[in-house]
Amino acid sequence: MAAQNLCKACGQPIYGHYIHALGAVWHPEHFICAACHRPIQSGSYNVKDNLPYHPACYIQQFAPRCAYCGKPLAGDYVVTNGASYHPDCYREHVVPRCAYCNQPLTGEYLVDAWGTKFCSRHKQEYPACVYCGRRIPPAQQQKGETPVCPICRSTAIDTIAQAQPLFARVKQWVGSQGLAFHNLPLHLELTNSTKIAHYLGDGDLHALGVTLSTMHTLNGHELRTEVNGIAILRGLPATLFQGVVVHELGHVWLVVHGIKDLPPWAEEGFCEMLAHRYFMQLNTPESLYYARNIEQNTSPVYGEGFRRVQALVDRLGFAQVLETMRATKHLPF
C-alpha cells in the first residue's frame, strides 16, 4: 500500500488535492503566508528563513523602504548617500532644483559662491550681479541699470542719511585698530562712477571710492597734502560700502602720517588688507564673500599687493607693521 501523504502543518493525511512546497506536502488551506496567515493559493511565493510569504507580503515585510515616503521599494529604485528612494520620490524631493527656473537639476549644473544651484544655461542667459555675482533672472532685472540683484538692492546705501551711521561705525573701528587721524574732520560724499573717475583722473569707471585731497605746492615743490574727505559710489550694498570706506580711510591714514612714497602695490595692498581685516571681523556671509574676493583678486596691484602686505602682517603682527610705517614711512621688509 502506498504511503499516505501527511500535511506538514497539521500532520493529518491528505485526501485529494495537495500542495508540494518547501520539501513537504500541505493541505491547500494549510500552506499559509507567514505574514498575513492566509493561504497561498497561487504557485508564486517568496521564502525567508524557510517560511513562505505572498509576494506582496514579502515586499511589505522585507523590501527596503523609500527614505522619503517610507513605502516599500519594489523594482528599480535609486540609492544615494546610503539612502534608497522611489525614482519619482528622488526626482521630486531629493534632486536639487534650479534656484531660478525650479526645474530638477538632473544633469550638469552650476553652484555660485553662495551655494545657489542653477542650470548651466542660465550663466549665459542671466546677467550676474556686479556686487555679489548672483544671477538675475528677467523678472528681477531693471532696464538701463547696472545689473544688481534684489538682495544687494535691499541694503543699498543711496543717501547720506543712510551712510552716516555706517561711516561713523567704520571710523570708530579704524581708530580701534590703532589708526589715528588726529581729529581730522572728514567729509563723506556719495556720487556716481563718472564723478569718481573724474576725481581719480584716470577714467576708471569701475572704482568704488576715492580719497579727496588737495596738494599745496610752492615753486613746484610739495608743501603738504590736505585730506578733504572720501567719495563713495552711491548704491553699494551696506556691507560692501563699509569695506570701501575702510579702504579709503587707509589712504587717509597714509596721507595724514606722511607715508607718500609707497609703490602702488604697497599702498593699495595696505588698504585692501585693512578692508579684509574689517570684513573678517564682521564675519557675516556677505563680509566673508567680499573678503574672499580680496584674497582671490588677480590684480598685480590690489590682489598681489594685498597678499604681500598680509604676509608681512602674518609674520610681524598688525601693530608692528603700523608702528614701522609710522616711524619709517615705508612698509617693513
Protein backbone atom coordinates (compact mmCIF):
# COMPACT_ATOMS: atom_id res chain seq x y z
CA MET A 1 0.00 0.00 0.00
CA ALA A 2 1.35 3.45 -0.92
CA ALA A 3 2.43 5.68 1.93
CA GLN A 4 -0.20 8.26 2.88
CA ASN A 5 0.76 11.93 2.34
CA LEU A 6 0.74 13.77 5.63
CA CYS A 7 0.27 17.54 5.78
CA LYS A 8 3.37 19.34 7.02
CA ALA A 9 1.23 21.78 9.01
CA CYS A 10 -1.35 19.56 10.73
CA GLY A 11 0.19 16.10 10.41
CA GLN A 12 -3.06 14.64 9.11
CA PRO A 13 -3.45 12.52 5.97
CA ILE A 14 -4.16 14.40 2.78
CA TYR A 15 -7.00 13.18 0.56
CA GLY A 16 -7.45 14.86 -2.79
CA HIS A 17 -5.57 18.00 -3.81
CA TYR A 18 -2.40 18.99 -2.01
CA ILE A 19 0.50 21.44 -2.39
CA HIS A 20 4.09 20.34 -2.67
CA ALA A 21 6.40 23.12 -1.40
CA LEU A 22 9.46 23.63 0.78
CA GLY A 23 10.25 19.90 0.58
CA ALA A 24 6.89 18.86 2.05
CA VAL A 25 3.21 18.45 1.22
CA TRP A 26 0.39 20.55 2.59
CA HIS A 27 -3.35 20.76 2.66
CA PRO A 28 -4.08 23.73 0.35
CA GLU A 29 -5.69 25.62 3.22
CA HIS A 30 -2.70 24.96 5.49
CA PHE A 31 0.03 26.32 3.22
CA ILE A 32 -0.23 29.86 4.59
CA CYS A 33 1.73 33.12 4.39
CA ALA A 34 3.89 33.68 7.47
CA ALA A 35 2.95 37.38 7.42
CA CYS A 36 -0.82 37.56 6.82
CA HIS A 37 -1.61 33.90 7.72
CA ARG A 38 -3.87 33.47 4.70
CA PRO A 39 -3.48 30.54 2.27
CA ILE A 40 -1.06 30.94 -0.58
CA GLN A 41 -3.28 29.87 -3.45
CA SER A 42 -1.06 30.82 -6.38
CA GLY A 43 2.08 28.96 -7.27
CA SER A 44 4.18 32.04 -6.66
CA TYR A 45 5.61 32.74 -3.24
CA ASN A 46 8.78 34.01 -1.57
CA VAL A 47 10.75 32.27 1.15
CA LYS A 48 12.67 33.72 4.08
CA ASP A 49 14.05 31.64 6.95
CA ASN A 50 12.26 28.64 5.39
CA LEU A 51 8.86 30.32 5.76
CA PRO A 52 6.58 31.12 2.80
CA TYR A 53 5.18 34.57 2.01
CA HIS A 54 2.83 36.03 -0.56
CA PRO A 55 4.99 38.14 -2.93
CA ALA A 56 3.13 41.29 -1.83
CA CYS A 57 3.50 40.40 1.85
CA TYR A 58 7.19 39.65 1.35
CA ILE A 59 7.74 43.10 -0.24
CA GLN A 60 5.77 44.78 2.54
CA GLN A 61 7.67 42.90 5.24
CA PHE A 62 11.23 42.79 3.98
CA ALA A 63 11.81 45.06 0.99
CA PRO A 64 13.87 48.24 1.63
CA ARG A 65 11.77 51.36 2.08
CA CYS A 66 11.91 54.74 0.41
CA ALA A 67 13.74 57.20 2.65
CA TYR A 68 11.22 59.89 1.70
CA CYS A 69 7.74 58.28 1.67
CA GLY A 70 8.51 55.16 3.74
CA LYS A 71 6.77 52.79 1.32
CA PRO A 72 8.44 49.53 0.17
CA LEU A 73 10.78 49.69 -2.78
CA ALA A 74 9.81 47.11 -5.40
CA GLY A 75 11.51 47.07 -8.77
CA ASP A 76 14.01 49.79 -9.71
CA TYR A 77 14.99 52.35 -7.12
CA VAL A 78 17.67 54.97 -6.55
CA VAL A 79 20.37 54.77 -3.89
CA THR A 80 22.28 57.91 -2.95
CA ASN A 81 24.35 58.79 0.14
CA GLY A 82 23.33 55.49 1.72
CA ALA A 83 19.56 56.13 1.33
CA SER A 84 17.12 54.50 -1.10
CA TYR A 85 14.26 56.21 -2.93
CA HIS A 86 11.49 55.52 -5.40
CA PRO A 87 12.58 57.13 -8.69
CA ASP A 88 9.64 59.57 -8.52
CA CYS A 89 10.36 60.47 -4.88
CA TYR A 90 14.00 61.00 -5.72
CA ARG A 91 13.25 63.33 -8.64
CA GLU A 92 10.57 65.25 -6.76
CA HIS A 93 12.10 65.61 -3.32
CA VAL A 94 15.82 64.80 -3.41
CA VAL A 95 17.19 66.05 -6.72
CA PRO A 96 18.09 69.76 -6.24
CA ARG A 97 16.10 72.28 -8.24
CA CYS A 98 17.34 75.29 -10.11
CA ALA A 99 17.01 78.41 -7.96
CA TYR A 100 15.80 80.37 -10.99
CA CYS A 101 13.52 78.10 -13.07
CA ASN A 102 12.72 75.47 -10.38
CA GLN A 103 13.42 72.57 -12.74
CA PRO A 104 15.15 69.44 -11.36
CA LEU A 105 18.91 69.58 -11.80
CA THR A 106 19.34 66.09 -13.22
CA GLY A 107 22.30 66.90 -15.46
CA GLU A 108 25.21 69.31 -15.27
CA TYR A 109 24.56 72.37 -13.14
CA LEU A 110 26.48 75.22 -11.52
CA VAL A 111 26.81 76.39 -7.91
CA ASP A 112 27.64 80.02 -7.15
CA ALA A 113 29.64 81.40 -4.25
CA TRP A 114 26.50 81.48 -2.09
CA GLY A 115 25.72 77.78 -2.60
CA THR A 116 22.89 78.56 -5.04
CA LYS A 117 22.44 75.77 -7.61
CA PHE A 118 21.24 76.61 -11.10
CA CYS A 119 21.02 75.28 -14.66
CA SER A 120 24.25 75.78 -16.61
CA ARG A 121 22.45 77.63 -19.41
CA HIS A 122 21.46 80.45 -17.05
CA LYS A 123 25.10 81.57 -16.88
CA GLN A 124 24.71 82.94 -20.40
CA GLU A 125 21.01 83.80 -20.12
CA TYR A 126 21.04 85.91 -16.95
CA PRO A 127 23.48 88.71 -16.02
CA ALA A 128 25.45 88.43 -12.79
CA CYS A 129 25.04 91.00 -10.03
CA VAL A 130 28.07 93.29 -10.10
CA TYR A 131 28.35 93.18 -6.31
CA CYS A 132 27.65 89.57 -5.30
CA GLY A 133 27.70 87.51 -8.51
CA ARG A 134 24.19 86.13 -8.10
CA ARG A 135 22.32 85.60 -11.40
CA ILE A 136 19.45 87.98 -12.11
CA PRO A 137 16.50 86.41 -13.98
CA PRO A 138 14.38 88.63 -16.27
CA ALA A 139 11.64 89.27 -13.69
CA GLN A 140 14.23 90.82 -11.34
CA GLN A 141 16.11 92.88 -13.90
CA GLN A 142 15.76 96.66 -14.10
CA LYS A 143 16.26 98.13 -17.55
CA GLY A 144 19.00 100.63 -18.19
CA GLU A 145 20.81 99.95 -14.91
CA THR A 146 23.96 98.18 -13.84
CA PRO A 147 22.97 94.57 -13.02
CA VAL A 148 22.21 94.49 -9.30
CA CYS A 149 20.25 91.68 -7.65
CA PRO A 150 17.30 92.33 -5.30
CA ILE A 151 19.36 91.20 -2.29
CA CYS A 152 22.04 93.82 -2.88
CA ARG A 153 19.45 96.48 -3.76
CA SER A 154 17.68 95.81 -0.47
CA THR A 155 20.63 97.22 1.54
CA ALA A 156 21.84 99.80 -0.98
CA ILE A 157 23.28 102.98 0.51
CA ASP A 158 21.66 105.69 -1.61
CA THR A 159 21.55 108.68 0.74
CA ILE A 160 23.86 110.43 3.15
CA ALA A 161 21.31 109.78 5.90
CA GLN A 162 21.75 106.05 5.32
CA ALA A 163 25.51 106.37 5.03
CA GLN A 164 26.37 108.47 8.09
CA PRO A 165 25.72 105.84 10.83
CA LEU A 166 27.82 103.28 8.94
CA PHE A 167 30.52 105.89 8.27
CA ALA A 168 30.69 106.68 11.99
CA ARG A 169 30.86 102.97 12.86
CA VAL A 170 33.70 102.36 10.40
CA LYS A 171 35.71 105.37 11.61
CA GLN A 172 35.37 104.10 15.16
CA TRP A 173 36.58 100.64 14.10
CA VAL A 174 39.56 102.07 12.24
CA GLY A 175 40.50 104.07 15.32
CA SER A 176 40.22 100.95 17.48
CA GLN A 177 42.82 99.29 15.23
CA GLY A 178 45.38 101.95 16.09
CA LEU A 179 44.99 104.18 13.01
CA ALA A 180 44.73 107.76 14.32
CA PHE A 181 43.63 110.72 12.19
CA HIS A 182 44.41 113.48 14.72
CA ASN A 183 40.73 114.51 14.90
CA LEU A 184 40.73 115.29 11.18
CA PRO A 185 37.19 116.21 10.07
CA LEU A 186 36.28 114.02 7.12
CA HIS A 187 33.57 114.82 4.58
CA LEU A 188 31.65 111.91 3.06
CA GLU A 189 30.27 112.20 -0.45
CA LEU A 190 28.05 109.73 -2.30
CA THR A 191 28.37 110.07 -6.03
CA ASN A 192 28.31 108.25 -9.38
CA SER A 193 31.01 106.33 -11.20
CA THR A 194 31.66 109.14 -13.69
CA LYS A 195 32.50 111.63 -10.95
CA ILE A 196 34.69 109.12 -9.11
CA ALA A 197 36.60 108.53 -12.37
CA HIS A 198 36.96 112.31 -12.69
CA TYR A 199 38.32 112.58 -9.15
CA LEU A 200 40.80 109.81 -9.87
CA GLY A 201 41.81 111.42 -13.14
CA ASP A 202 42.26 108.07 -14.85
CA GLY A 203 38.84 107.37 -16.37
CA ASP A 204 38.31 104.23 -14.28
CA LEU A 205 34.53 103.74 -14.26
CA HIS A 206 34.80 100.63 -12.06
CA ALA A 207 36.29 102.29 -8.98
CA LEU A 208 34.05 102.20 -5.91
CA GLY A 209 35.66 105.01 -3.92
CA VAL A 210 38.32 107.71 -3.87
CA THR A 211 40.11 109.79 -1.25
CA LEU A 212 39.67 113.53 -1.82
CA SER A 213 42.75 115.62 -1.08
CA THR A 214 44.39 118.88 -2.04
CA MET A 215 48.14 119.19 -2.59
CA HIS A 216 49.73 122.52 -1.67
CA THR A 217 52.94 123.37 -3.52
CA LEU A 218 55.49 126.20 -3.65
CA ASN A 219 57.72 126.65 -6.68
CA GLY A 220 56.80 123.20 -7.84
CA HIS A 221 57.64 121.55 -4.51
CA GLU A 222 55.01 119.86 -2.39
CA LEU A 223 54.49 121.57 0.93
CA ARG A 224 51.68 119.48 2.30
CA THR A 225 48.70 117.40 1.26
CA GLU A 226 45.37 118.17 2.87
CA VAL A 227 42.70 115.48 3.04
CA ASN A 228 39.20 116.77 2.45
CA GLY A 229 37.18 113.56 2.69
CA ILE A 230 36.22 110.50 0.73
CA ALA A 231 33.76 109.86 -2.09
CA ILE A 232 31.96 106.51 -2.33
CA LEU A 233 29.86 105.13 -5.16
CA ARG A 234 26.17 105.58 -4.45
CA GLY A 235 24.09 102.39 -4.22
CA LEU A 236 26.66 99.98 -2.82
CA PRO A 237 25.26 97.21 -0.59
CA ALA A 238 25.75 98.16 3.07
CA THR A 239 28.50 95.63 3.81
CA LEU A 240 30.49 96.47 0.69
CA PHE A 241 30.01 100.18 1.41
CA GLN A 242 31.68 99.73 4.79
CA GLY A 243 34.61 97.82 3.31
CA VAL A 244 35.18 100.51 0.67
CA VAL A 245 35.12 103.18 3.39
CA VAL A 246 37.74 101.22 5.36
CA HIS A 247 39.92 101.03 2.23
CA GLU A 248 39.68 104.78 1.64
CA LEU A 249 40.36 105.54 5.30
CA GLY A 250 43.56 103.56 4.83
CA HIS A 251 44.58 106.07 2.16
CA VAL A 252 43.62 108.90 4.50
CA TRP A 253 45.83 107.47 7.26
CA LEU A 254 48.77 107.20 4.87
CA VAL A 255 48.40 110.87 3.85
CA VAL A 256 47.95 112.10 7.43
CA HIS A 257 51.15 110.35 8.51
CA GLY A 258 53.18 111.49 5.51
CA ILE A 259 53.59 108.00 4.06
CA LYS A 260 53.57 109.02 0.42
CA ASP A 261 56.28 107.19 -1.50
CA LEU A 262 54.94 103.66 -1.37
CA PRO A 263 54.76 101.79 -4.68
CA PRO A 264 51.17 101.30 -5.91
CA TRP A 265 51.03 97.63 -4.87
CA ALA A 266 52.11 98.53 -1.33
CA GLU A 267 49.66 101.42 -0.89
CA GLU A 268 46.66 99.58 -2.37
CA GLY A 269 47.71 96.32 -0.72
CA PHE A 270 47.81 98.03 2.68
CA CYS A 271 44.32 99.47 2.19
CA GLU A 272 42.97 96.15 0.94
CA MET A 273 44.49 94.44 3.99
CA LEU A 274 42.53 96.82 6.22
CA ALA A 275 39.28 96.16 4.33
CA HIS A 276 39.91 92.40 4.51
CA ARG A 277 40.55 92.67 8.25
CA TYR A 278 37.24 94.51 8.69
CA PHE A 279 35.29 92.00 6.60
CA MET A 280 36.75 89.08 8.54
CA GLN A 281 35.85 90.66 11.87
CA LEU A 282 32.27 91.33 10.71
CA ASN A 283 32.06 87.60 9.99
CA THR A 284 28.79 87.62 8.05
CA PRO A 285 28.12 85.68 4.85
CA GLU A 286 28.33 88.92 2.88
CA SER A 287 31.53 90.16 4.53
CA LEU A 288 33.24 86.78 4.12
CA TYR A 289 32.27 86.79 0.43
CA TYR A 290 33.96 90.18 -0.04
CA ALA A 291 36.98 89.00 1.97
CA ARG A 292 37.37 86.01 -0.38
CA ASN A 293 37.17 88.36 -3.37
CA ILE A 294 40.11 90.32 -1.95
CA GLU A 295 42.06 87.11 -1.34
CA GLN A 296 41.41 85.83 -4.89
CA ASN A 297 41.90 89.12 -6.75
CA THR A 298 44.32 88.55 -9.64
CA SER A 299 45.27 92.23 -9.97
CA PRO A 300 49.06 92.73 -9.58
CA VAL A 301 48.34 95.93 -7.63
CA TYR A 302 45.28 95.14 -5.49
CA GLY A 303 45.39 91.34 -5.30
CA GLU A 304 49.11 90.71 -5.19
CA GLY A 305 49.57 93.85 -3.11
CA PHE A 306 47.11 92.52 -0.52
CA ARG A 307 48.83 89.13 -0.36
CA ARG A 308 52.28 90.69 0.12
CA VAL A 309 51.10 93.09 2.84
CA GLN A 310 49.07 90.35 4.56
CA ALA A 311 52.18 88.15 4.61
CA LEU A 312 54.01 90.93 6.47
CA VAL A 313 51.17 91.23 8.97
CA ASP A 314 51.14 87.47 9.49
CA ARG A 315 54.90 87.48 10.08
CA LEU A 316 55.35 90.63 12.18
CA GLY A 317 51.91 91.35 13.59
CA PHE A 318 49.48 94.10 12.63
CA ALA A 319 50.59 96.56 15.34
CA GLN A 320 54.28 96.20 14.42
CA VAL A 321 53.56 96.86 10.74
CA LEU A 322 51.68 100.06 11.64
CA GLU A 323 54.41 101.26 14.00
CA THR A 324 57.15 100.63 11.44
CA MET A 325 55.21 102.52 8.77
CA ARG A 326 54.65 105.47 11.11
CA ALA A 327 58.33 105.58 12.00
CA THR A 328 59.98 104.87 8.65
CA LYS A 329 57.25 105.96 6.20
CA HIS A 330 57.69 102.62 4.45
CA LEU A 331 56.49 99.06 4.77
CA PRO A 332 58.81 96.79 6.78
CA PHE A 333 60.68 94.34 4.56
